[in-house]
Amino acid sequence: MFSRAKMMNFTVDESEVHQANISMWLTGAAVFLSALNTLLSITASLGNALILVALRNESSLHAPTKLLFQCLAIFDLCTGVISQPLFAVSILAHVVKIAYFKEGFTVIGYTLCGTSTAITAAISVDRLLALLLGLRYRHVVTLRRTRAVIVCSFVTGISIGSMHCWSDQVASLADIIFGLVSLITSILSYTKIYLTLRQHQAQVHEHVNQGQRNGGGIQLNIARYKRSVAWVQLTLLICYLPFHILSITNAIPDGRGYDTESLSLAVNITLVYLNSSLNPILYCWKIREVKQAVKYTIRQFCCLSC
C-alpha cells in the first residue's frame, strides 16, 4: 500500500516537473521572439525610411510605379514603428497573462500587413505589365488607376482588421482569402515574368549564336533579373505561406495546447513581419533606379555627417 502511494506521488511529481520544463521553454521562446521582433522593427523602420527619402527626388521611375513603392515603404515603415513593437510587447504580455494589448495589436497588425501584401501583389502585376505591354504600358498603368488600387487595398485591409473587434472567426476567414489572393497573384505574376525572361534569354542566345553583336550584355542583364525575380518569389513564400497554412489548420480543432498554438502563431507572424525588413533590400536589388537613388542618398548622408 505504501509502495503504491509512493509510486503515484513520484508519477505526479514527474509530470509536474515536465510541465514546468515545458513552461520554462515556452517562456524563453517567447522572450526570444519578443527581442527578435524588436530588432526587426528597427531594421524595418530604418530600411523603409531610407527608401522613402531616396524615392522623394527620384524622377526616372514611372509615376505609378514610384507611388506603389512609396506606399509599400510607408506601410512597412508603419509596421516597423507601430505594429512590431506592439507585437513584441503583446508576446511578453501573454507570458505574464496580460491580454490588454491583444485587440489593438490584432487590428493594427492585420491592417498594415494585409495592405502591404496587397500592394506587393500590385507591384508584381505592375512589373509584369511593364514587361509585356512595352510602349502601351504607360497608357494602361496610369496614376489614377494606381491610386484606386492603393485605396481599395487599404480599405480592404482596415476592414478585415476591424472585423477582429466583433468576430475573430469571420475576420480570420476574410484574412485567409485576402492574403491568399494577394500571395497567389504575386507568385503567378513573378512566375510569368520569369518564364517570359527565360524565353527572351533563349532568343538572345540564339541571336548570339548567329553572330549578332551586343547579345552578351543583354543576356547577362536578363539572367540577373531572373535571379532577382526568383529571390522575390522565394521570400514571399517563406514569409507569407506558413502563416496562411497555419491560419487554415487552426480553423480545424486538433486538441493542441493553447500555449503551443500561440507560440507557433507568433513564429509565423514574425516571418510575416520579416518581409517588411526584407522589402527594402529586395526592391533596391531588383529595381535599378531605386538602387541608384538609395546609393545617392547614402552618399549624401555620409557627406553631411563628415
C-alpha atoms as a PDB file:
ATOM      1  CA  MET A   1       0.000   0.000   0.000  1.00  0.00           C
ATOM      2  CA  PHE A   2       2.737   2.405   0.991  1.00  0.00           C
ATOM      3  CA  SER A   3       4.775   1.496  -2.086  1.00  0.00           C
ATOM      4  CA  ARG A   4       1.814   2.120  -4.394  1.00  0.00           C
ATOM      5  CA  ALA A   5       1.124   5.548  -2.868  1.00  0.00           C
ATOM      6  CA  LYS A   6       4.789   6.428  -3.142  1.00  0.00           C
ATOM      7  CA  MET A   7       4.818   5.442  -6.828  1.00  0.00           C
ATOM      8  CA  MET A   8       1.747   7.614  -7.512  1.00  0.00           C
ATOM      9  CA  ASN A   9       3.409  10.595  -5.816  1.00  0.00           C
ATOM     10  CA  PHE A  10       6.525  10.049  -7.898  1.00  0.00           C
ATOM     11  CA  THR A  11       4.452   9.967 -11.096  1.00  0.00           C
ATOM     12  CA  VAL A  12       2.688  13.202 -10.140  1.00  0.00           C
ATOM     13  CA  ASP A  13       5.991  14.902  -9.292  1.00  0.00           C
ATOM     14  CA  GLU A  14       7.496  13.790 -12.604  1.00  0.00           C
ATOM     15  CA  SER A  15       4.507  15.175 -14.503  1.00  0.00           C
ATOM     16  CA  GLU A  16       4.766  18.499 -12.678  1.00  0.00           C
ATOM     17  CA  VAL A  17       8.486  18.750 -13.475  1.00  0.00           C
ATOM     18  CA  HIS A  18       7.752  18.013 -17.151  1.00  0.00           C
ATOM     19  CA  GLN A  19       5.062  20.712 -17.272  1.00  0.00           C
ATOM     20  CA  ALA A  20       7.403  23.156 -15.546  1.00  0.00           C
ATOM     21  CA  ASN A  21      10.146  22.445 -18.112  1.00  0.00           C
ATOM     22  CA  ILE A  22       7.708  22.999 -20.988  1.00  0.00           C
ATOM     23  CA  SER A  23       6.521  26.232 -19.397  1.00  0.00           C
ATOM     24  CA  MET A  24      10.101  27.478 -18.989  1.00  0.00           C
ATOM     25  CA  TRP A  25      10.897  26.582 -22.610  1.00  0.00           C
ATOM     26  CA  LEU A  26       7.810  28.390 -23.898  1.00  0.00           C
ATOM     27  CA  THR A  27       8.656  31.436 -21.788  1.00  0.00           C
ATOM     28  CA  GLY A  28      12.222  31.500 -23.110  1.00  0.00           C
ATOM     29  CA  ALA A  29      10.989  31.150 -26.701  1.00  0.00           C
ATOM     30  CA  ALA A  30       8.501  33.994 -26.173  1.00  0.00           C
ATOM     31  CA  VAL A  31      11.208  36.290 -24.778  1.00  0.00           C
ATOM     32  CA  PHE A  32      13.460  35.446 -27.749  1.00  0.00           C
ATOM     33  CA  LEU A  33      10.671  36.189 -30.249  1.00  0.00           C
ATOM     34  CA  SER A  34       9.924  39.457 -28.490  1.00  0.00           C
ATOM     35  CA  ALA A  35      13.597  40.507 -28.706  1.00  0.00           C
ATOM     36  CA  LEU A  36      13.794  39.396 -32.357  1.00  0.00           C
ATOM     37  CA  ASN A  37      10.719  41.430 -33.297  1.00  0.00           C
ATOM     38  CA  THR A  38      12.193  44.448 -31.529  1.00  0.00           C
ATOM     39  CA  LEU A  39      15.350  44.108 -33.638  1.00  0.00           C
ATOM     40  CA  LEU A  40      13.333  43.589 -36.834  1.00  0.00           C
ATOM     41  CA  SER A  41      11.246  46.666 -36.059  1.00  0.00           C
ATOM     42  CA  ILE A  42      14.450  48.730 -36.061  1.00  0.00           C
ATOM     43  CA  THR A  43      15.683  47.305 -39.384  1.00  0.00           C
ATOM     44  CA  ALA A  44      12.242  47.714 -40.983  1.00  0.00           C
ATOM     45  CA  SER A  45      11.974  51.312 -39.784  1.00  0.00           C
ATOM     46  CA  LEU A  46      15.452  52.350 -40.925  1.00  0.00           C
ATOM     47  CA  GLY A  47      15.325  50.470 -44.238  1.00  0.00           C
ATOM     48  CA  ASN A  48      11.940  51.794 -45.323  1.00  0.00           C
ATOM     49  CA  ALA A  49      12.701  55.322 -44.123  1.00  0.00           C
ATOM     50  CA  LEU A  50      15.792  55.222 -46.352  1.00  0.00           C
ATOM     51  CA  ILE A  51      13.670  54.061 -49.309  1.00  0.00           C
ATOM     52  CA  LEU A  52      11.204  56.929 -48.784  1.00  0.00           C
ATOM     53  CA  VAL A  53      13.978  59.526 -48.627  1.00  0.00           C
ATOM     54  CA  ALA A  54      15.670  58.038 -51.704  1.00  0.00           C
ATOM     55  CA  LEU A  55      12.442  57.982 -53.739  1.00  0.00           C
ATOM     56  CA  ARG A  56      11.477  61.556 -52.858  1.00  0.00           C
ATOM     57  CA  ASN A  57      13.577  63.125 -55.615  1.00  0.00           C
ATOM     58  CA  GLU A  58      13.720  60.114 -57.945  1.00  0.00           C
ATOM     59  CA  SER A  59      12.299  61.123 -61.336  1.00  0.00           C
ATOM     60  CA  SER A  60      13.351  58.284 -63.648  1.00  0.00           C
ATOM     61  CA  LEU A  61      10.723  55.850 -62.343  1.00  0.00           C
ATOM     62  CA  HIS A  62       7.262  55.774 -63.911  1.00  0.00           C
ATOM     63  CA  ALA A  63       4.988  57.806 -61.564  1.00  0.00           C
ATOM     64  CA  PRO A  64       2.531  54.945 -60.764  1.00  0.00           C
ATOM     65  CA  THR A  65       5.422  52.552 -60.073  1.00  0.00           C
ATOM     66  CA  LYS A  66       7.069  55.126 -57.817  1.00  0.00           C
ATOM     67  CA  LEU A  67       3.785  55.627 -55.955  1.00  0.00           C
ATOM     68  CA  LEU A  68       3.440  51.875 -55.366  1.00  0.00           C
ATOM     69  CA  PHE A  69       6.976  51.674 -53.963  1.00  0.00           C
ATOM     70  CA  GLN A  70       6.366  54.697 -51.738  1.00  0.00           C
ATOM     71  CA  CYS A  71       3.104  53.255 -50.369  1.00  0.00           C
ATOM     72  CA  LEU A  72       4.736  49.873 -49.723  1.00  0.00           C
ATOM     73  CA  ALA A  73       7.577  51.607 -47.884  1.00  0.00           C
ATOM     74  CA  ILE A  74       5.085  53.695 -45.847  1.00  0.00           C
ATOM     75  CA  PHE A  75       3.087  50.662 -44.715  1.00  0.00           C
ATOM     76  CA  ASP A  76       6.253  48.677 -43.979  1.00  0.00           C
ATOM     77  CA  LEU A  77       7.593  51.686 -42.049  1.00  0.00           C
ATOM     78  CA  CYS A  78       4.372  51.813 -40.008  1.00  0.00           C
ATOM     79  CA  THR A  79       4.757  48.090 -39.398  1.00  0.00           C
ATOM     80  CA  GLY A  80       8.255  48.657 -38.024  1.00  0.00           C
ATOM     81  CA  VAL A  81       7.344  51.719 -35.955  1.00  0.00           C
ATOM     82  CA  ILE A  82       3.915  50.673 -34.626  1.00  0.00           C
ATOM     83  CA  SER A  83       2.874  47.086 -35.242  1.00  0.00           C
ATOM     84  CA  GLN A  84       6.078  45.182 -34.499  1.00  0.00           C
ATOM     85  CA  PRO A  85       6.862  46.906 -31.175  1.00  0.00           C
ATOM     86  CA  LEU A  86       3.238  46.349 -30.153  1.00  0.00           C
ATOM     87  CA  PHE A  87       3.533  42.694 -31.135  1.00  0.00           C
ATOM     88  CA  ALA A  88       6.762  42.332 -29.145  1.00  0.00           C
ATOM     89  CA  VAL A  89       5.005  43.753 -26.081  1.00  0.00           C
ATOM     90  CA  SER A  90       1.951  41.540 -26.640  1.00  0.00           C
ATOM     91  CA  ILE A  91       4.162  38.416 -26.618  1.00  0.00           C
ATOM     92  CA  LEU A  92       5.566  39.378 -23.220  1.00  0.00           C
ATOM     93  CA  ALA A  93       2.091  40.381 -22.048  1.00  0.00           C
ATOM     94  CA  HIS A  94       0.865  36.884 -22.915  1.00  0.00           C
ATOM     95  CA  VAL A  95       3.698  35.383 -20.871  1.00  0.00           C
ATOM     96  CA  VAL A  96       2.645  37.371 -17.791  1.00  0.00           C
ATOM     97  CA  LYS A  97      -1.049  36.745 -18.571  1.00  0.00           C
ATOM     98  CA  ILE A  98      -1.994  40.283 -19.607  1.00  0.00           C
ATOM     99  CA  ALA A  99      -4.398  40.466 -22.564  1.00  0.00           C
ATOM    100  CA  TYR A 100      -4.589  44.288 -22.796  1.00  0.00           C
ATOM    101  CA  PHE A 101      -2.503  44.591 -25.968  1.00  0.00           C
ATOM    102  CA  LYS A 102      -4.123  41.768 -27.949  1.00  0.00           C
ATOM    103  CA  GLU A 103      -7.026  43.657 -29.525  1.00  0.00           C
ATOM    104  CA  GLY A 104      -5.019  46.739 -30.521  1.00  0.00           C
ATOM    105  CA  PHE A 105      -2.200  44.664 -31.974  1.00  0.00           C
ATOM    106  CA  THR A 106      -4.634  42.487 -33.930  1.00  0.00           C
ATOM    107  CA  VAL A 107      -6.422  45.389 -35.637  1.00  0.00           C
ATOM    108  CA  ILE A 108      -3.244  47.339 -36.452  1.00  0.00           C
ATOM    109  CA  GLY A 109      -1.218  44.263 -37.440  1.00  0.00           C
ATOM    110  CA  TYR A 110      -3.803  42.798 -39.802  1.00  0.00           C
ATOM    111  CA  THR A 111      -4.476  46.213 -41.359  1.00  0.00           C
ATOM    112  CA  LEU A 112      -0.833  47.042 -42.077  1.00  0.00           C
ATOM    113  CA  CYS A 113       0.296  43.563 -43.143  1.00  0.00           C
ATOM    114  CA  GLY A 114      -2.818  42.947 -45.237  1.00  0.00           C
ATOM    115  CA  THR A 115      -2.414  46.242 -47.078  1.00  0.00           C
ATOM    116  CA  SER A 116       1.331  45.685 -47.533  1.00  0.00           C
ATOM    117  CA  THR A 117       0.670  42.229 -49.023  1.00  0.00           C
ATOM    118  CA  ALA A 118      -1.910  43.667 -51.435  1.00  0.00           C
ATOM    119  CA  ILE A 119       0.467  46.441 -52.560  1.00  0.00           C
ATOM    120  CA  THR A 120       3.217  43.844 -53.054  1.00  0.00           C
ATOM    121  CA  ALA A 121       0.815  41.988 -55.356  1.00  0.00           C
ATOM    122  CA  ALA A 122       0.071  45.246 -57.194  1.00  0.00           C
ATOM    123  CA  ILE A 123       3.810  45.829 -57.704  1.00  0.00           C
ATOM    124  CA  SER A 124       4.205  42.334 -59.149  1.00  0.00           C
ATOM    125  CA  VAL A 125       1.360  42.995 -61.606  1.00  0.00           C
ATOM    126  CA  ASP A 126       2.887  46.382 -62.455  1.00  0.00           C
ATOM    127  CA  ARG A 127       6.262  44.744 -63.229  1.00  0.00           C
ATOM    128  CA  LEU A 128       4.539  42.091 -65.356  1.00  0.00           C
ATOM    129  CA  LEU A 129       2.614  44.700 -67.354  1.00  0.00           C
ATOM    130  CA  ALA A 130       5.803  46.723 -67.853  1.00  0.00           C
ATOM    131  CA  LEU A 131       7.426  43.635 -69.348  1.00  0.00           C
ATOM    132  CA  LEU A 132       4.511  42.516 -71.524  1.00  0.00           C
ATOM    133  CA  LEU A 133       2.944  45.778 -72.747  1.00  0.00           C
ATOM    134  CA  GLY A 134       6.066  47.606 -73.891  1.00  0.00           C
ATOM    135  CA  LEU A 135       5.174  51.084 -75.190  1.00  0.00           C
ATOM    136  CA  ARG A 136       1.500  50.674 -74.220  1.00  0.00           C
ATOM    137  CA  TYR A 137       2.463  50.265 -70.540  1.00  0.00           C
ATOM    138  CA  ARG A 138       2.398  53.996 -69.702  1.00  0.00           C
ATOM    139  CA  HIS A 139      -1.060  54.383 -71.227  1.00  0.00           C
ATOM    140  CA  VAL A 140      -2.532  51.384 -69.376  1.00  0.00           C
ATOM    141  CA  VAL A 141      -0.883  51.866 -65.950  1.00  0.00           C
ATOM    142  CA  THR A 142      -1.870  55.414 -65.012  1.00  0.00           C
ATOM    143  CA  LEU A 143      -1.540  57.345 -61.772  1.00  0.00           C
ATOM    144  CA  ARG A 144      -5.316  57.481 -61.333  1.00  0.00           C
ATOM    145  CA  ARG A 145      -5.732  53.704 -61.629  1.00  0.00           C
ATOM    146  CA  THR A 146      -2.800  53.096 -59.308  1.00  0.00           C
ATOM    147  CA  ARG A 147      -4.298  55.377 -56.637  1.00  0.00           C
ATOM    148  CA  ALA A 148      -7.601  53.496 -56.934  1.00  0.00           C
ATOM    149  CA  VAL A 149      -5.804  50.163 -56.371  1.00  0.00           C
ATOM    150  CA  ILE A 150      -3.985  51.540 -53.315  1.00  0.00           C
ATOM    151  CA  VAL A 151      -7.185  52.955 -51.788  1.00  0.00           C
ATOM    152  CA  CYS A 152      -9.040  49.671 -52.359  1.00  0.00           C
ATOM    153  CA  SER A 153      -6.163  47.722 -50.783  1.00  0.00           C
ATOM    154  CA  PHE A 154      -6.128  49.963 -47.708  1.00  0.00           C
ATOM    155  CA  VAL A 155      -9.917  49.938 -47.291  1.00  0.00           C
ATOM    156  CA  THR A 156      -9.965  46.137 -47.556  1.00  0.00           C
ATOM    157  CA  GLY A 157      -7.062  45.808 -45.116  1.00  0.00           C
ATOM    158  CA  ILE A 158      -8.577  48.082 -42.479  1.00  0.00           C
ATOM    159  CA  SER A 159     -11.987  46.419 -42.908  1.00  0.00           C
ATOM    160  CA  ILE A 160     -10.539  42.959 -42.265  1.00  0.00           C
ATOM    161  CA  GLY A 161      -8.504  44.268 -39.326  1.00  0.00           C
ATOM    162  CA  SER A 162     -11.564  45.900 -37.781  1.00  0.00           C
ATOM    163  CA  MET A 163     -13.569  42.671 -38.112  1.00  0.00           C
ATOM    164  CA  HIS A 164     -11.462  41.191 -35.300  1.00  0.00           C
ATOM    165  CA  CYS A 165     -13.219  43.519 -32.867  1.00  0.00           C
ATOM    166  CA  TRP A 166     -16.517  41.657 -33.249  1.00  0.00           C
ATOM    167  CA  SER A 167     -15.811  38.236 -34.827  1.00  0.00           C
ATOM    168  CA  ASP A 168     -12.376  36.578 -34.917  1.00  0.00           C
ATOM    169  CA  GLN A 169     -13.742  33.655 -36.924  1.00  0.00           C
ATOM    170  CA  VAL A 170     -15.181  35.776 -39.747  1.00  0.00           C
ATOM    171  CA  ALA A 171     -12.126  38.064 -39.737  1.00  0.00           C
ATOM    172  CA  SER A 172      -9.723  35.103 -39.916  1.00  0.00           C
ATOM    173  CA  LEU A 173     -11.630  33.655 -42.873  1.00  0.00           C
ATOM    174  CA  ALA A 174     -11.588  37.024 -44.669  1.00  0.00           C
ATOM    175  CA  ASP A 175      -7.873  37.427 -43.947  1.00  0.00           C
ATOM    176  CA  ILE A 176      -7.102  33.949 -45.310  1.00  0.00           C
ATOM    177  CA  ILE A 177      -8.960  34.703 -48.543  1.00  0.00           C
ATOM    178  CA  PHE A 178      -7.497  38.206 -48.961  1.00  0.00           C
ATOM    179  CA  GLY A 179      -3.972  37.080 -48.106  1.00  0.00           C
ATOM    180  CA  LEU A 180      -4.016  34.034 -50.369  1.00  0.00           C
ATOM    181  CA  VAL A 181      -5.425  36.038 -53.292  1.00  0.00           C
ATOM    182  CA  SER A 182      -2.610  38.596 -52.879  1.00  0.00           C
ATOM    183  CA  LEU A 183       0.049  35.907 -52.470  1.00  0.00           C
ATOM    184  CA  ILE A 184      -1.167  33.843 -55.444  1.00  0.00           C
ATOM    185  CA  THR A 185      -1.346  36.990 -57.594  1.00  0.00           C
ATOM    186  CA  SER A 186       2.269  37.830 -56.744  1.00  0.00           C
ATOM    187  CA  ILE A 187       3.518  34.289 -57.346  1.00  0.00           C
ATOM    188  CA  LEU A 188       1.701  33.948 -60.678  1.00  0.00           C
ATOM    189  CA  SER A 189       2.914  37.368 -61.846  1.00  0.00           C
ATOM    190  CA  TYR A 190       6.545  36.674 -60.969  1.00  0.00           C
ATOM    191  CA  THR A 191       6.304  33.192 -62.462  1.00  0.00           C
ATOM    192  CA  LYS A 192       5.059  34.717 -65.725  1.00  0.00           C
ATOM    193  CA  ILE A 193       7.875  37.294 -65.568  1.00  0.00           C
ATOM    194  CA  TYR A 194      10.423  34.513 -65.013  1.00  0.00           C
ATOM    195  CA  LEU A 195       9.112  32.434 -67.921  1.00  0.00           C
ATOM    196  CA  THR A 196       8.991  35.462 -70.234  1.00  0.00           C
ATOM    197  CA  LEU A 197      12.561  36.399 -69.331  1.00  0.00           C
ATOM    198  CA  ARG A 198      13.629  32.817 -69.910  1.00  0.00           C
ATOM    199  CA  GLN A 199      12.077  32.959 -73.390  1.00  0.00           C
ATOM    200  CA  HIS A 200      13.804  36.280 -74.108  1.00  0.00           C
ATOM    201  CA  GLN A 201      17.098  34.849 -72.900  1.00  0.00           C
ATOM    202  CA  ALA A 202      16.753  31.889 -75.270  1.00  0.00           C
ATOM    203  CA  GLN A 203      16.049  34.257 -78.161  1.00  0.00           C
ATOM    204  CA  VAL A 204      19.081  36.413 -77.304  1.00  0.00           C
ATOM    205  CA  HIS A 205      21.242  33.300 -77.016  1.00  0.00           C
ATOM    206  CA  GLU A 206      20.058  32.209 -80.474  1.00  0.00           C
ATOM    207  CA  HIS A 207      20.935  35.631 -81.929  1.00  0.00           C
ATOM    208  CA  VAL A 208      24.388  35.464 -80.332  1.00  0.00           C
ATOM    209  CA  ASN A 209      24.975  32.053 -81.895  1.00  0.00           C
ATOM    210  CA  GLN A 210      24.012  33.528 -85.251  1.00  0.00           C
ATOM    211  CA  GLY A 211      26.802  36.096 -84.908  1.00  0.00           C
ATOM    212  CA  GLN A 212      24.849  39.198 -83.911  1.00  0.00           C
ATOM    213  CA  ARG A 213      26.619  41.716 -81.651  1.00  0.00           C
ATOM    214  CA  ASN A 214      25.701  43.189 -78.246  1.00  0.00           C
ATOM    215  CA  GLY A 215      23.922  39.995 -77.172  1.00  0.00           C
ATOM    216  CA  GLY A 216      26.203  39.189 -74.262  1.00  0.00           C
ATOM    217  CA  GLY A 217      25.309  42.235 -72.158  1.00  0.00           C
ATOM    218  CA  ILE A 218      21.575  41.804 -72.713  1.00  0.00           C
ATOM    219  CA  GLN A 219      21.777  38.116 -71.831  1.00  0.00           C
ATOM    220  CA  LEU A 220      23.665  38.963 -68.623  1.00  0.00           C
ATOM    221  CA  ASN A 221      21.030  41.545 -67.622  1.00  0.00           C
ATOM    222  CA  ILE A 222      18.197  39.064 -68.248  1.00  0.00           C
ATOM    223  CA  ALA A 223      19.952  36.393 -66.191  1.00  0.00           C
ATOM    224  CA  ARG A 224      20.449  38.841 -63.302  1.00  0.00           C
ATOM    225  CA  TYR A 225      16.794  39.913 -63.459  1.00  0.00           C
ATOM    226  CA  LYS A 226      15.701  36.251 -63.463  1.00  0.00           C
ATOM    227  CA  ARG A 227      17.704  35.612 -60.288  1.00  0.00           C
ATOM    228  CA  SER A 228      16.196  38.639 -58.540  1.00  0.00           C
ATOM    229  CA  VAL A 229      12.682  37.527 -59.531  1.00  0.00           C
ATOM    230  CA  ALA A 230      13.407  34.060 -58.124  1.00  0.00           C
ATOM    231  CA  TRP A 231      14.585  35.597 -54.831  1.00  0.00           C
ATOM    232  CA  VAL A 232      11.424  37.723 -54.564  1.00  0.00           C
ATOM    233  CA  GLN A 233       9.269  34.627 -55.127  1.00  0.00           C
ATOM    234  CA  LEU A 234      11.202  32.630 -52.527  1.00  0.00           C
ATOM    235  CA  THR A 235      10.925  35.443 -49.973  1.00  0.00           C
ATOM    236  CA  LEU A 236       7.167  35.754 -50.467  1.00  0.00           C
ATOM    237  CA  LEU A 237       6.702  32.011 -49.975  1.00  0.00           C
ATOM    238  CA  ILE A 238       8.890  31.849 -46.865  1.00  0.00           C
ATOM    239  CA  CYS A 239       7.351  34.913 -45.204  1.00  0.00           C
ATOM    240  CA  TYR A 240       3.661  34.518 -46.021  1.00  0.00           C
ATOM    241  CA  LEU A 241       2.821  30.908 -46.883  1.00  0.00           C
ATOM    242  CA  PRO A 242       3.481  29.388 -43.398  1.00  0.00           C
ATOM    243  CA  PHE A 243       1.160  31.942 -41.777  1.00  0.00           C
ATOM    244  CA  HIS A 244      -1.690  31.210 -44.172  1.00  0.00           C
ATOM    245  CA  ILE A 245      -1.222  27.447 -43.817  1.00  0.00           C
ATOM    246  CA  LEU A 246      -1.307  27.820 -40.023  1.00  0.00           C
ATOM    247  CA  SER A 247      -4.405  30.039 -40.238  1.00  0.00           C
ATOM    248  CA  ILE A 248      -6.190  27.336 -42.215  1.00  0.00           C
ATOM    249  CA  THR A 249      -5.110  24.498 -39.908  1.00  0.00           C
ATOM    250  CA  ASN A 250      -6.042  26.486 -36.792  1.00  0.00           C
ATOM    251  CA  ALA A 251      -9.614  26.589 -38.072  1.00  0.00           C
ATOM    252  CA  ILE A 252      -9.687  22.777 -37.612  1.00  0.00           C
ATOM    253  CA  PRO A 253      -9.759  21.653 -33.944  1.00  0.00           C
ATOM    254  CA  ASP A 254      -6.934  19.192 -33.219  1.00  0.00           C
ATOM    255  CA  GLY A 255      -6.622  19.193 -29.443  1.00  0.00           C
ATOM    256  CA  ARG A 256      -3.270  21.011 -29.209  1.00  0.00           C
ATOM    257  CA  GLY A 257      -2.403  23.130 -26.220  1.00  0.00           C
ATOM    258  CA  TYR A 258      -3.161  26.849 -26.342  1.00  0.00           C
ATOM    259  CA  ASP A 259       0.395  27.858 -25.448  1.00  0.00           C
ATOM    260  CA  THR A 260       1.854  25.707 -28.227  1.00  0.00           C
ATOM    261  CA  GLU A 261      -0.587  27.170 -30.754  1.00  0.00           C
ATOM    262  CA  SER A 262       0.228  30.700 -29.584  1.00  0.00           C
ATOM    263  CA  LEU A 263       3.956  30.107 -29.958  1.00  0.00           C
ATOM    264  CA  SER A 264       3.515  28.650 -33.450  1.00  0.00           C
ATOM    265  CA  LEU A 265       1.366  31.635 -34.418  1.00  0.00           C
ATOM    266  CA  ALA A 266       3.952  34.052 -33.006  1.00  0.00           C
ATOM    267  CA  VAL A 267       6.719  32.415 -35.083  1.00  0.00           C
ATOM    268  CA  ASN A 268       4.666  32.701 -38.276  1.00  0.00           C
ATOM    269  CA  ILE A 269       3.666  36.322 -37.570  1.00  0.00           C
ATOM    270  CA  THR A 270       7.370  37.079 -37.060  1.00  0.00           C
ATOM    271  CA  LEU A 271       8.054  35.664 -40.535  1.00  0.00           C
ATOM    272  CA  VAL A 272       5.366  37.955 -41.968  1.00  0.00           C
ATOM    273  CA  TYR A 273       6.973  40.946 -40.233  1.00  0.00           C
ATOM    274  CA  LEU A 274      10.383  39.854 -41.526  1.00  0.00           C
ATOM    275  CA  ASN A 275       9.133  40.731 -45.010  1.00  0.00           C
ATOM    276  CA  SER A 276       8.929  44.416 -44.001  1.00  0.00           C
ATOM    277  CA  SER A 277      12.674  44.338 -43.299  1.00  0.00           C
ATOM    278  CA  LEU A 278      13.491  42.412 -46.473  1.00  0.00           C
ATOM    279  CA  ASN A 279      11.398  44.502 -48.893  1.00  0.00           C
ATOM    280  CA  PRO A 280      13.829  47.471 -48.972  1.00  0.00           C
ATOM    281  CA  ILE A 281      16.712  45.090 -49.717  1.00  0.00           C
ATOM    282  CA  LEU A 282      14.830  43.113 -52.366  1.00  0.00           C
ATOM    283  CA  TYR A 283      13.497  46.093 -54.267  1.00  0.00           C
ATOM    284  CA  CYS A 284      16.781  48.027 -54.071  1.00  0.00           C
ATOM    285  CA  TRP A 285      18.492  44.997 -55.544  1.00  0.00           C
ATOM    286  CA  LYS A 286      15.796  44.333 -58.131  1.00  0.00           C
ATOM    287  CA  ILE A 287      14.970  47.870 -59.376  1.00  0.00           C
ATOM    288  CA  ARG A 288      17.992  49.695 -60.772  1.00  0.00           C
ATOM    289  CA  GLU A 289      16.502  53.174 -60.318  1.00  0.00           C
ATOM    290  CA  VAL A 290      15.715  52.534 -56.663  1.00  0.00           C
ATOM    291  CA  LYS A 291      19.197  51.149 -56.064  1.00  0.00           C
ATOM    292  CA  GLN A 292      20.814  54.234 -57.592  1.00  0.00           C
ATOM    293  CA  ALA A 293      18.583  56.567 -55.561  1.00  0.00           C
ATOM    294  CA  VAL A 294      19.468  54.755 -52.327  1.00  0.00           C
ATOM    295  CA  LYS A 295      23.200  54.886 -53.110  1.00  0.00           C
ATOM    296  CA  TYR A 296      22.953  58.619 -53.819  1.00  0.00           C
ATOM    297  CA  THR A 297      21.048  59.206 -50.565  1.00  0.00           C
ATOM    298  CA  ILE A 298      23.615  57.256 -48.541  1.00  0.00           C
ATOM    299  CA  ARG A 299      26.479  59.213 -50.126  1.00  0.00           C
ATOM    300  CA  GLN A 300      24.731  62.483 -49.305  1.00  0.00           C
ATOM    301  CA  PHE A 301      24.173  61.392 -45.716  1.00  0.00           C
ATOM    302  CA  CYS A 302      27.810  60.361 -45.352  1.00  0.00           C
ATOM    303  CA  CYS A 303      28.985  63.713 -46.744  1.00  0.00           C
ATOM    304  CA  LEU A 304      26.721  65.632 -44.326  1.00  0.00           C
ATOM    305  CA  SER A 305      27.981  63.500 -41.401  1.00  0.00           C
ATOM    306  CA  CYS A 306      31.575  64.304 -42.275  1.00  0.00           C
END
